[in-house]
Amino acid sequence: MIRAALLGLCLLLAACATPTSLPSALPNLGLPLTLHIQHSDGALAEDWLLVIQTEDRGLRWSLFDPLGVPLARQQLLDAEWHNDGLLPPNPQARELFAALLFALTPSAQLARVYPSASWQLDADGQRRLNPQWRIDYRAPLDFTLNHAAGPRYRVSALTPQAGS
């Protein structure tokens, strides 16, 4: 319960701003993906696990704390977010998920699925999702999401361990 409250507090500013753009069509992401997210906002730092899966005609997003307790579950269907399961609505997680979807979209697909006025691709490969997000890449599945209001999210892919 405390972790869910922290997620809400940490992303509160994101929810108050203009909602983050969603694509008009789902990009090809090579799902499922399991991501490690390190959230930091000043002195507060937390680790989360995010699983993104294709389901029917949309995407299912499941965010967990390190003990496996669900923090947020959302479905993206027809360019709209829907609550998934018994967790309460979480517009803050939706903002994070929308920024992650943009960051995970291959560069060659951006112009096809996002309105041109909503994003920028810098010469060095870094991206901006207007007005609030900047994505700094180290590799395609290793990047940092920077929100204009301060929260940062270091995102990296989790790879299966040999023998598991």
N, C-alpha and C. Protein backbone atom coordinates (compact mmCIF):
# COMPACT_ATOMS: atom_id res chain seq x y z
N MET A 1 0.82 -1.18 0.00
CA MET A 1 0.00 0.00 0.00
C MET A 1 0.88 1.26 0.00
N ILE A 2 1.96 1.21 0.77
CA ILE A 2 2.86 2.36 0.84
C ILE A 2 3.53 2.57 -0.51
N ARG A 3 3.95 1.48 -1.14
CA ARG A 3 4.62 1.60 -2.44
C ARG A 3 3.67 2.17 -3.49
N ALA A 4 2.42 1.75 -3.45
CA ALA A 4 1.45 2.29 -4.40
C ALA A 4 1.25 3.78 -4.16
N ALA A 5 1.23 4.18 -2.89
CA ALA A 5 1.10 5.60 -2.57
C ALA A 5 2.32 6.37 -3.05
N LEU A 6 3.50 5.78 -2.90
CA LEU A 6 4.72 6.44 -3.38
C LEU A 6 4.70 6.59 -4.89
N LEU A 7 4.22 5.55 -5.59
CA LEU A 7 4.12 5.66 -7.04
C LEU A 7 3.21 6.82 -7.42
N GLY A 8 2.09 6.92 -6.73
CA GLY A 8 1.17 8.02 -7.00
C GLY A 8 1.79 9.37 -6.71
N LEU A 9 2.49 9.48 -5.60
CA LEU A 9 3.14 10.74 -5.23
C LEU A 9 4.25 11.10 -6.21
N CYS A 10 5.05 10.10 -6.58
CA CYS A 10 6.19 10.36 -7.46
C CYS A 10 5.77 10.81 -8.85
N LEU A 11 4.63 10.32 -9.31
CA LEU A 11 4.19 10.64 -10.65
C LEU A 11 3.06 11.66 -10.69
N LEU A 12 2.74 12.26 -9.54
CA LEU A 12 1.63 13.20 -9.46
C LEU A 12 1.77 14.34 -10.44
N LEU A 13 2.95 14.89 -10.55
CA LEU A 13 3.15 16.01 -11.46
C LEU A 13 2.92 15.61 -12.91
N ALA A 14 3.28 14.39 -13.24
CA ALA A 14 3.07 13.93 -14.61
C ALA A 14 1.58 13.86 -14.93
N ALA A 15 0.78 13.45 -13.97
CA ALA A 15 -0.66 13.33 -14.20
C ALA A 15 -1.33 14.69 -14.32
N CYS A 16 -0.78 15.70 -13.68
CA CYS A 16 -1.38 17.03 -13.72
C CYS A 16 -1.08 17.75 -15.02
N ALA A 17 -0.04 17.34 -15.70
CA ALA A 17 0.35 17.99 -16.95
C ALA A 17 -0.53 17.47 -18.09
N THR A 18 -0.29 17.99 -19.27
CA THR A 18 -0.98 17.50 -20.45
C THR A 18 -0.70 16.01 -20.60
N PRO A 19 -1.74 15.21 -20.86
CA PRO A 19 -1.50 13.77 -20.99
C PRO A 19 -0.48 13.48 -22.08
N THR A 20 0.36 12.51 -21.82
CA THR A 20 1.38 12.11 -22.77
C THR A 20 0.72 11.48 -24.00
N SER A 21 1.21 11.84 -25.17
CA SER A 21 0.66 11.35 -26.43
C SER A 21 0.72 9.84 -26.52
N LEU A 22 -0.30 9.28 -27.12
CA LEU A 22 -0.33 7.85 -27.42
C LEU A 22 -0.27 7.68 -28.94
N PRO A 23 0.25 6.55 -29.40
CA PRO A 23 0.31 6.34 -30.85
C PRO A 23 -1.08 6.07 -31.43
N SER A 24 -1.25 6.40 -32.70
CA SER A 24 -2.52 6.15 -33.38
C SER A 24 -2.69 4.66 -33.69
N ALA A 25 -1.58 3.94 -33.80
CA ALA A 25 -1.57 2.49 -34.01
C ALA A 25 -0.45 1.92 -33.16
N LEU A 26 -0.57 0.68 -32.76
CA LEU A 26 0.48 0.08 -31.93
C LEU A 26 1.73 -0.20 -32.76
N PRO A 27 2.88 0.24 -32.27
CA PRO A 27 4.13 -0.06 -32.97
C PRO A 27 4.50 -1.53 -32.76
N ASN A 28 5.39 -2.03 -33.60
CA ASN A 28 5.90 -3.39 -33.45
C ASN A 28 7.05 -3.35 -32.45
N LEU A 29 6.84 -3.92 -31.27
CA LEU A 29 7.82 -3.82 -30.19
C LEU A 29 8.57 -5.12 -29.90
N GLY A 30 8.21 -6.22 -30.51
CA GLY A 30 8.87 -7.48 -30.19
C GLY A 30 8.56 -7.94 -28.78
N LEU A 31 7.29 -8.03 -28.47
CA LEU A 31 6.83 -8.37 -27.12
C LEU A 31 6.75 -9.88 -26.95
N PRO A 32 6.79 -10.37 -25.73
CA PRO A 32 6.73 -9.65 -24.45
C PRO A 32 8.09 -9.07 -24.06
N LEU A 33 8.03 -8.05 -23.23
CA LEU A 33 9.23 -7.42 -22.67
C LEU A 33 9.12 -7.40 -21.15
N THR A 34 10.25 -7.64 -20.49
CA THR A 34 10.34 -7.48 -19.05
C THR A 34 11.43 -6.46 -18.79
N LEU A 35 11.06 -5.37 -18.13
CA LEU A 35 11.98 -4.26 -17.93
C LEU A 35 12.21 -3.99 -16.45
N HIS A 36 13.43 -3.62 -16.14
CA HIS A 36 13.79 -3.14 -14.80
C HIS A 36 13.74 -1.62 -14.86
N ILE A 37 13.00 -1.02 -13.94
CA ILE A 37 12.89 0.43 -13.90
C ILE A 37 13.42 0.90 -12.55
N GLN A 38 14.41 1.78 -12.61
CA GLN A 38 14.94 2.43 -11.41
C GLN A 38 14.40 3.85 -11.40
N HIS A 39 13.53 4.12 -10.46
CA HIS A 39 12.90 5.43 -10.34
C HIS A 39 13.67 6.26 -9.33
N SER A 40 13.95 7.51 -9.67
CA SER A 40 14.59 8.41 -8.71
C SER A 40 13.96 9.79 -8.83
N ASP A 41 13.75 10.39 -7.68
CA ASP A 41 13.19 11.72 -7.60
C ASP A 41 13.79 12.37 -6.36
N GLY A 42 14.92 13.01 -6.53
CA GLY A 42 15.62 13.57 -5.38
C GLY A 42 16.20 12.47 -4.53
N ALA A 43 15.84 12.43 -3.25
CA ALA A 43 16.37 11.43 -2.33
C ALA A 43 15.67 10.08 -2.45
N LEU A 44 14.49 10.05 -3.04
CA LEU A 44 13.72 8.83 -3.18
C LEU A 44 14.21 8.01 -4.36
N ALA A 45 14.49 6.72 -4.13
CA ALA A 45 14.89 5.83 -5.22
C ALA A 45 14.19 4.49 -5.01
N GLU A 46 13.66 3.94 -6.09
CA GLU A 46 12.94 2.66 -6.03
C GLU A 46 13.21 1.85 -7.27
N ASP A 47 13.14 0.53 -7.12
CA ASP A 47 13.24 -0.39 -8.23
C ASP A 47 11.88 -1.01 -8.49
N TRP A 48 11.54 -1.14 -9.77
CA TRP A 48 10.28 -1.75 -10.18
C TRP A 48 10.55 -2.74 -11.30
N LEU A 49 9.60 -3.62 -11.51
CA LEU A 49 9.62 -4.57 -12.61
C LEU A 49 8.38 -4.31 -13.46
N LEU A 50 8.56 -4.18 -14.77
CA LEU A 50 7.45 -3.94 -15.68
C LEU A 50 7.40 -5.04 -16.72
N VAL A 51 6.23 -5.62 -16.90
CA VAL A 51 6.01 -6.63 -17.94
C VAL A 51 5.03 -6.04 -18.94
N ILE A 52 5.40 -6.06 -20.22
CA ILE A 52 4.54 -5.57 -21.30
C ILE A 52 4.25 -6.76 -22.21
N GLN A 53 2.95 -7.01 -22.44
CA GLN A 53 2.55 -8.16 -23.23
C GLN A 53 1.51 -7.75 -24.27
N THR A 54 1.51 -8.45 -25.39
CA THR A 54 0.45 -8.29 -26.37
C THR A 54 -0.73 -9.12 -25.89
N GLU A 55 -1.92 -8.52 -25.99
CA GLU A 55 -3.12 -9.25 -25.62
C GLU A 55 -4.25 -8.82 -26.55
N ASP A 56 -4.81 -9.78 -27.26
CA ASP A 56 -5.88 -9.51 -28.23
C ASP A 56 -5.43 -8.38 -29.16
N ARG A 57 -6.10 -7.25 -29.12
CA ARG A 57 -5.79 -6.13 -30.02
C ARG A 57 -5.06 -5.00 -29.30
N GLY A 58 -4.51 -5.27 -28.12
CA GLY A 58 -3.87 -4.20 -27.36
C GLY A 58 -2.64 -4.68 -26.60
N LEU A 59 -2.26 -3.87 -25.62
CA LEU A 59 -1.09 -4.16 -24.79
C LEU A 59 -1.50 -4.20 -23.32
N ARG A 60 -0.94 -5.11 -22.57
CA ARG A 60 -1.12 -5.19 -21.12
C ARG A 60 0.18 -4.78 -20.45
N TRP A 61 0.07 -3.84 -19.50
CA TRP A 61 1.20 -3.30 -18.76
C TRP A 61 1.01 -3.67 -17.29
N SER A 62 1.99 -4.36 -16.70
CA SER A 62 1.91 -4.78 -15.30
C SER A 62 3.17 -4.33 -14.59
N LEU A 63 3.01 -3.46 -13.58
CA LEU A 63 4.13 -2.90 -12.83
C LEU A 63 4.13 -3.51 -11.43
N PHE A 64 5.30 -4.00 -10.99
CA PHE A 64 5.44 -4.67 -9.70
C PHE A 64 6.59 -4.07 -8.90
N ASP A 65 6.49 -4.20 -7.57
CA ASP A 65 7.64 -3.85 -6.73
C ASP A 65 8.57 -5.07 -6.71
N PRO A 66 9.76 -4.97 -6.08
CA PRO A 66 10.71 -6.09 -6.09
C PRO A 66 10.19 -7.37 -5.43
N LEU A 67 9.16 -7.27 -4.58
CA LEU A 67 8.60 -8.46 -3.94
C LEU A 67 7.48 -9.09 -4.77
N GLY A 68 7.17 -8.49 -5.91
CA GLY A 68 6.12 -9.02 -6.77
C GLY A 68 4.74 -8.47 -6.49
N VAL A 69 4.64 -7.47 -5.64
CA VAL A 69 3.35 -6.85 -5.33
C VAL A 69 2.98 -5.93 -6.49
N PRO A 70 1.79 -6.12 -7.08
CA PRO A 70 1.41 -5.25 -8.20
C PRO A 70 1.18 -3.81 -7.76
N LEU A 71 1.75 -2.88 -8.52
CA LEU A 71 1.57 -1.45 -8.27
C LEU A 71 0.58 -0.84 -9.25
N ALA A 72 0.58 -1.36 -10.47
CA ALA A 72 -0.33 -0.84 -11.50
C ALA A 72 -0.49 -1.90 -12.58
N ARG A 73 -1.72 -1.99 -13.09
CA ARG A 73 -2.01 -2.85 -14.24
C ARG A 73 -2.95 -2.08 -15.15
N GLN A 74 -2.54 -1.94 -16.40
CA GLN A 74 -3.32 -1.18 -17.37
C GLN A 74 -3.32 -1.93 -18.70
N GLN A 75 -4.38 -1.72 -19.47
CA GLN A 75 -4.45 -2.22 -20.84
C GLN A 75 -4.58 -1.02 -21.76
N LEU A 76 -3.84 -1.05 -22.85
CA LEU A 76 -3.96 -0.04 -23.90
C LEU A 76 -4.69 -0.69 -25.06
N LEU A 77 -5.95 -0.27 -25.26
CA LEU A 77 -6.79 -0.82 -26.32
C LEU A 77 -7.32 0.33 -27.15
N ASP A 78 -7.12 0.27 -28.46
CA ASP A 78 -7.65 1.29 -29.37
C ASP A 78 -7.26 2.70 -28.93
N ALA A 79 -5.99 2.88 -28.59
CA ALA A 79 -5.43 4.18 -28.20
C ALA A 79 -6.07 4.77 -26.94
N GLU A 80 -6.60 3.92 -26.07
CA GLU A 80 -7.15 4.37 -24.79
C GLU A 80 -6.72 3.43 -23.68
N TRP A 81 -6.47 3.98 -22.50
CA TRP A 81 -6.10 3.19 -21.33
C TRP A 81 -7.35 2.66 -20.66
N HIS A 82 -7.22 1.43 -20.15
CA HIS A 82 -8.30 0.79 -19.40
C HIS A 82 -7.70 0.13 -18.16
N ASN A 83 -8.42 0.22 -17.04
CA ASN A 83 -7.96 -0.45 -15.82
C ASN A 83 -8.01 -1.95 -16.04
N ASP A 84 -7.07 -2.65 -15.41
CA ASP A 84 -6.97 -4.09 -15.57
C ASP A 84 -6.89 -4.71 -14.18
N GLY A 85 -7.81 -5.57 -13.86
CA GLY A 85 -7.77 -6.24 -12.58
C GLY A 85 -8.42 -5.42 -11.48
N LEU A 86 -8.07 -5.74 -10.25
CA LEU A 86 -8.72 -5.14 -9.09
C LEU A 86 -7.99 -3.92 -8.53
N LEU A 87 -6.88 -3.53 -9.13
CA LEU A 87 -6.17 -2.36 -8.64
C LEU A 87 -6.96 -1.10 -8.96
N PRO A 88 -6.86 -0.07 -8.11
CA PRO A 88 -7.58 1.17 -8.40
C PRO A 88 -6.99 1.87 -9.63
N PRO A 89 -7.75 2.77 -10.24
CA PRO A 89 -7.23 3.52 -11.39
C PRO A 89 -5.91 4.21 -11.03
N ASN A 90 -5.00 4.27 -11.99
CA ASN A 90 -3.69 4.84 -11.72
C ASN A 90 -3.25 5.70 -12.91
N PRO A 91 -3.74 6.95 -12.98
CA PRO A 91 -3.37 7.80 -14.12
C PRO A 91 -1.87 8.12 -14.15
N GLN A 92 -1.20 8.09 -13.00
CA GLN A 92 0.23 8.37 -12.98
C GLN A 92 1.00 7.26 -13.70
N ALA A 93 0.62 6.02 -13.48
CA ALA A 93 1.28 4.91 -14.17
C ALA A 93 1.01 4.99 -15.66
N ARG A 94 -0.18 5.43 -16.05
CA ARG A 94 -0.50 5.58 -17.47
C ARG A 94 0.45 6.56 -18.14
N GLU A 95 0.80 7.62 -17.46
CA GLU A 95 1.75 8.60 -18.01
C GLU A 95 3.12 7.97 -18.22
N LEU A 96 3.58 7.23 -17.22
CA LEU A 96 4.87 6.54 -17.35
C LEU A 96 4.81 5.54 -18.49
N PHE A 97 3.74 4.75 -18.57
CA PHE A 97 3.63 3.74 -19.62
C PHE A 97 3.58 4.39 -21.00
N ALA A 98 2.89 5.51 -21.12
CA ALA A 98 2.83 6.21 -22.42
C ALA A 98 4.21 6.69 -22.84
N ALA A 99 4.99 7.22 -21.90
CA ALA A 99 6.35 7.67 -22.21
C ALA A 99 7.23 6.47 -22.58
N LEU A 100 7.06 5.37 -21.88
CA LEU A 100 7.82 4.16 -22.21
C LEU A 100 7.46 3.63 -23.59
N LEU A 101 6.19 3.67 -23.94
CA LEU A 101 5.77 3.20 -25.26
C LEU A 101 6.46 4.02 -26.36
N PHE A 102 6.51 5.33 -26.17
CA PHE A 102 7.21 6.19 -27.12
C PHE A 102 8.70 5.82 -27.18
N ALA A 103 9.32 5.65 -26.03
CA ALA A 103 10.75 5.34 -25.98
C ALA A 103 11.06 4.00 -26.63
N LEU A 104 10.15 3.04 -26.52
CA LEU A 104 10.36 1.71 -27.07
C LEU A 104 10.03 1.60 -28.56
N THR A 105 9.30 2.57 -29.09
CA THR A 105 8.92 2.54 -30.50
C THR A 105 10.16 2.72 -31.39
N PRO A 106 10.40 1.80 -32.32
CA PRO A 106 11.54 1.95 -33.22
C PRO A 106 11.47 3.28 -33.99
N SER A 107 12.61 3.91 -34.19
CA SER A 107 12.68 5.22 -34.86
C SER A 107 11.98 5.21 -36.21
N ALA A 108 12.12 4.12 -36.95
CA ALA A 108 11.51 4.05 -38.29
C ALA A 108 9.98 4.06 -38.24
N GLN A 109 9.39 3.77 -37.10
CA GLN A 109 7.93 3.73 -36.96
C GLN A 109 7.34 5.01 -36.37
N LEU A 110 8.17 5.89 -35.83
CA LEU A 110 7.65 7.07 -35.13
C LEU A 110 6.72 7.92 -35.99
N ALA A 111 7.15 8.26 -37.21
CA ALA A 111 6.35 9.14 -38.07
C ALA A 111 5.02 8.50 -38.46
N ARG A 112 4.97 7.18 -38.49
CA ARG A 112 3.74 6.48 -38.86
C ARG A 112 2.72 6.45 -37.72
N VAL A 113 3.18 6.38 -36.46
CA VAL A 113 2.24 6.14 -35.36
C VAL A 113 2.05 7.33 -34.41
N TYR A 114 2.93 8.34 -34.45
CA TYR A 114 2.80 9.50 -33.56
C TYR A 114 2.59 10.78 -34.38
N PRO A 115 1.75 11.68 -33.89
CA PRO A 115 1.60 12.98 -34.59
C PRO A 115 2.95 13.70 -34.61
N SER A 116 3.29 14.28 -35.75
CA SER A 116 4.62 14.89 -35.92
C SER A 116 4.88 16.03 -34.95
N ALA A 117 3.85 16.74 -34.53
CA ALA A 117 4.04 17.87 -33.62
C ALA A 117 4.29 17.43 -32.18
N SER A 118 4.15 16.13 -31.87
CA SER A 118 4.26 15.68 -30.49
C SER A 118 5.65 15.19 -30.10
N TRP A 119 6.58 15.06 -31.05
CA TRP A 119 7.88 14.49 -30.73
C TRP A 119 8.99 15.08 -31.59
N GLN A 120 10.23 14.86 -31.11
CA GLN A 120 11.44 15.26 -31.85
C GLN A 120 12.46 14.14 -31.76
N LEU A 121 13.19 13.95 -32.83
CA LEU A 121 14.31 13.02 -32.85
C LEU A 121 15.57 13.85 -33.06
N ASP A 122 16.43 13.87 -32.05
CA ASP A 122 17.65 14.67 -32.12
C ASP A 122 18.69 14.00 -33.02
N ALA A 123 19.65 14.77 -33.48
CA ALA A 123 20.70 14.26 -34.36
C ALA A 123 21.50 13.12 -33.71
N ASP A 124 21.63 13.15 -32.38
CA ASP A 124 22.40 12.11 -31.69
C ASP A 124 21.56 10.88 -31.34
N GLY A 125 20.30 10.83 -31.82
CA GLY A 125 19.44 9.69 -31.57
C GLY A 125 18.57 9.80 -30.33
N GLN A 126 18.79 10.84 -29.54
CA GLN A 126 17.95 11.04 -28.36
C GLN A 126 16.59 11.56 -28.82
N ARG A 127 15.59 11.40 -27.97
CA ARG A 127 14.23 11.79 -28.34
C ARG A 127 13.61 12.70 -27.31
N ARG A 128 12.60 13.43 -27.77
CA ARG A 128 11.77 14.25 -26.89
C ARG A 128 10.32 13.98 -27.24
N LEU A 129 9.52 13.77 -26.21
CA LEU A 129 8.08 13.64 -26.38
C LEU A 129 7.48 14.85 -25.69
N ASN A 130 7.00 15.76 -26.50
CA ASN A 130 6.57 17.06 -26.01
C ASN A 130 5.30 16.93 -25.19
N PRO A 131 5.17 17.75 -24.18
CA PRO A 131 6.16 18.75 -23.79
C PRO A 131 7.08 18.30 -22.66
N GLN A 132 6.83 17.15 -22.05
CA GLN A 132 7.49 16.89 -20.77
C GLN A 132 8.58 15.83 -20.72
N TRP A 133 8.76 14.98 -21.73
CA TRP A 133 9.68 13.86 -21.62
C TRP A 133 10.90 14.00 -22.53
N ARG A 134 12.07 13.63 -22.01
CA ARG A 134 13.30 13.51 -22.80
C ARG A 134 13.84 12.10 -22.58
N ILE A 135 14.21 11.43 -23.64
CA ILE A 135 14.72 10.06 -23.55
C ILE A 135 16.17 10.07 -23.99
N ASP A 136 17.04 9.60 -23.11
CA ASP A 136 18.47 9.51 -23.38
C ASP A 136 18.85 8.03 -23.48
N TYR A 137 19.25 7.60 -24.68
CA TYR A 137 19.55 6.20 -24.95
C TYR A 137 21.02 5.88 -24.75
N ARG A 138 21.27 4.71 -24.17
CA ARG A 138 22.59 4.09 -24.15
C ARG A 138 22.59 2.93 -25.13
N ALA A 139 21.43 2.28 -25.28
CA ALA A 139 21.18 1.19 -26.23
C ALA A 139 19.66 1.13 -26.40
N PRO A 140 19.14 0.38 -27.39
CA PRO A 140 17.69 0.38 -27.61
C PRO A 140 16.87 0.02 -26.36
N LEU A 141 17.32 -0.92 -25.55
CA LEU A 141 16.59 -1.29 -24.33
C LEU A 141 17.37 -0.91 -23.07
N ASP A 142 18.08 0.20 -23.15
CA ASP A 142 18.82 0.74 -22.02
C ASP A 142 18.81 2.26 -22.17
N PHE A 143 17.91 2.92 -21.44
CA PHE A 143 17.73 4.35 -21.61
C PHE A 143 17.21 4.97 -20.31
N THR A 144 17.19 6.30 -20.30
CA THR A 144 16.65 7.04 -19.16
C THR A 144 15.54 7.94 -19.65
N LEU A 145 14.40 7.86 -18.97
CA LEU A 145 13.29 8.77 -19.20
C LEU A 145 13.43 9.91 -18.20
N ASN A 146 13.47 11.12 -18.69
CA ASN A 146 13.58 12.30 -17.84
C ASN A 146 12.32 13.13 -17.98
N HIS A 147 11.64 13.34 -16.88
CA HIS A 147 10.43 14.17 -16.90
C HIS A 147 10.81 15.59 -16.54
N ALA A 148 10.20 16.56 -17.20
CA ALA A 148 10.52 17.97 -16.95
C ALA A 148 10.31 18.37 -15.50
N ALA A 149 9.38 17.71 -14.81
CA ALA A 149 9.11 18.03 -13.40
C ALA A 149 10.09 17.36 -12.44
N GLY A 150 11.00 16.54 -12.95
CA GLY A 150 12.03 16.00 -12.08
C GLY A 150 12.20 14.50 -12.01
N PRO A 151 11.14 13.68 -12.02
CA PRO A 151 11.40 12.24 -11.89
C PRO A 151 12.23 11.71 -13.05
N ARG A 152 13.09 10.74 -12.72
CA ARG A 152 13.90 10.05 -13.72
C ARG A 152 13.66 8.57 -13.59
N TYR A 153 13.68 7.90 -14.73
CA TYR A 153 13.46 6.46 -14.76
C TYR A 153 14.54 5.82 -15.62
N ARG A 154 15.43 5.08 -15.00
CA ARG A 154 16.44 4.32 -15.74
C ARG A 154 15.81 3.00 -16.12
N VAL A 155 15.75 2.71 -17.41
CA VAL A 155 15.06 1.53 -17.92
C VAL A 155 16.07 0.61 -18.58
N SER A 156 16.00 -0.67 -18.23
CA SER A 156 16.86 -1.66 -18.87
C SER A 156 16.10 -2.98 -18.98
N ALA A 157 16.46 -3.74 -20.00
CA ALA A 157 15.80 -5.03 -20.22
C ALA A 157 16.35 -6.05 -19.24
N LEU A 158 15.45 -6.90 -18.76
CA LEU A 158 15.87 -8.04 -17.96
C LEU A 158 16.00 -9.23 -18.89
N THR A 159 17.13 -9.90 -18.84
CA THR A 159 17.34 -11.05 -19.70
C THR A 159 17.23 -12.31 -18.86
N PRO A 160 16.70 -13.38 -19.44
CA PRO A 160 16.57 -14.62 -18.68
C PRO A 160 17.94 -15.16 -18.30
N GLN A 161 18.02 -15.70 -17.11
CA GLN A 161 19.26 -16.32 -16.62
C GLN A 161 19.45 -17.66 -17.31
N ALA A 162 20.69 -18.04 -17.57
CA ALA A 162 20.96 -19.34 -18.18
C ALA A 162 20.49 -20.44 -17.22
N GLY A 163 19.78 -21.43 -17.79
CA GLY A 163 19.31 -22.54 -16.97
C GLY A 163 17.99 -22.28 -16.27
N SER A 164 17.37 -21.11 -16.48
CA SER A 164 16.09 -20.88 -15.81
C SER A 164 14.94 -21.02 -16.75
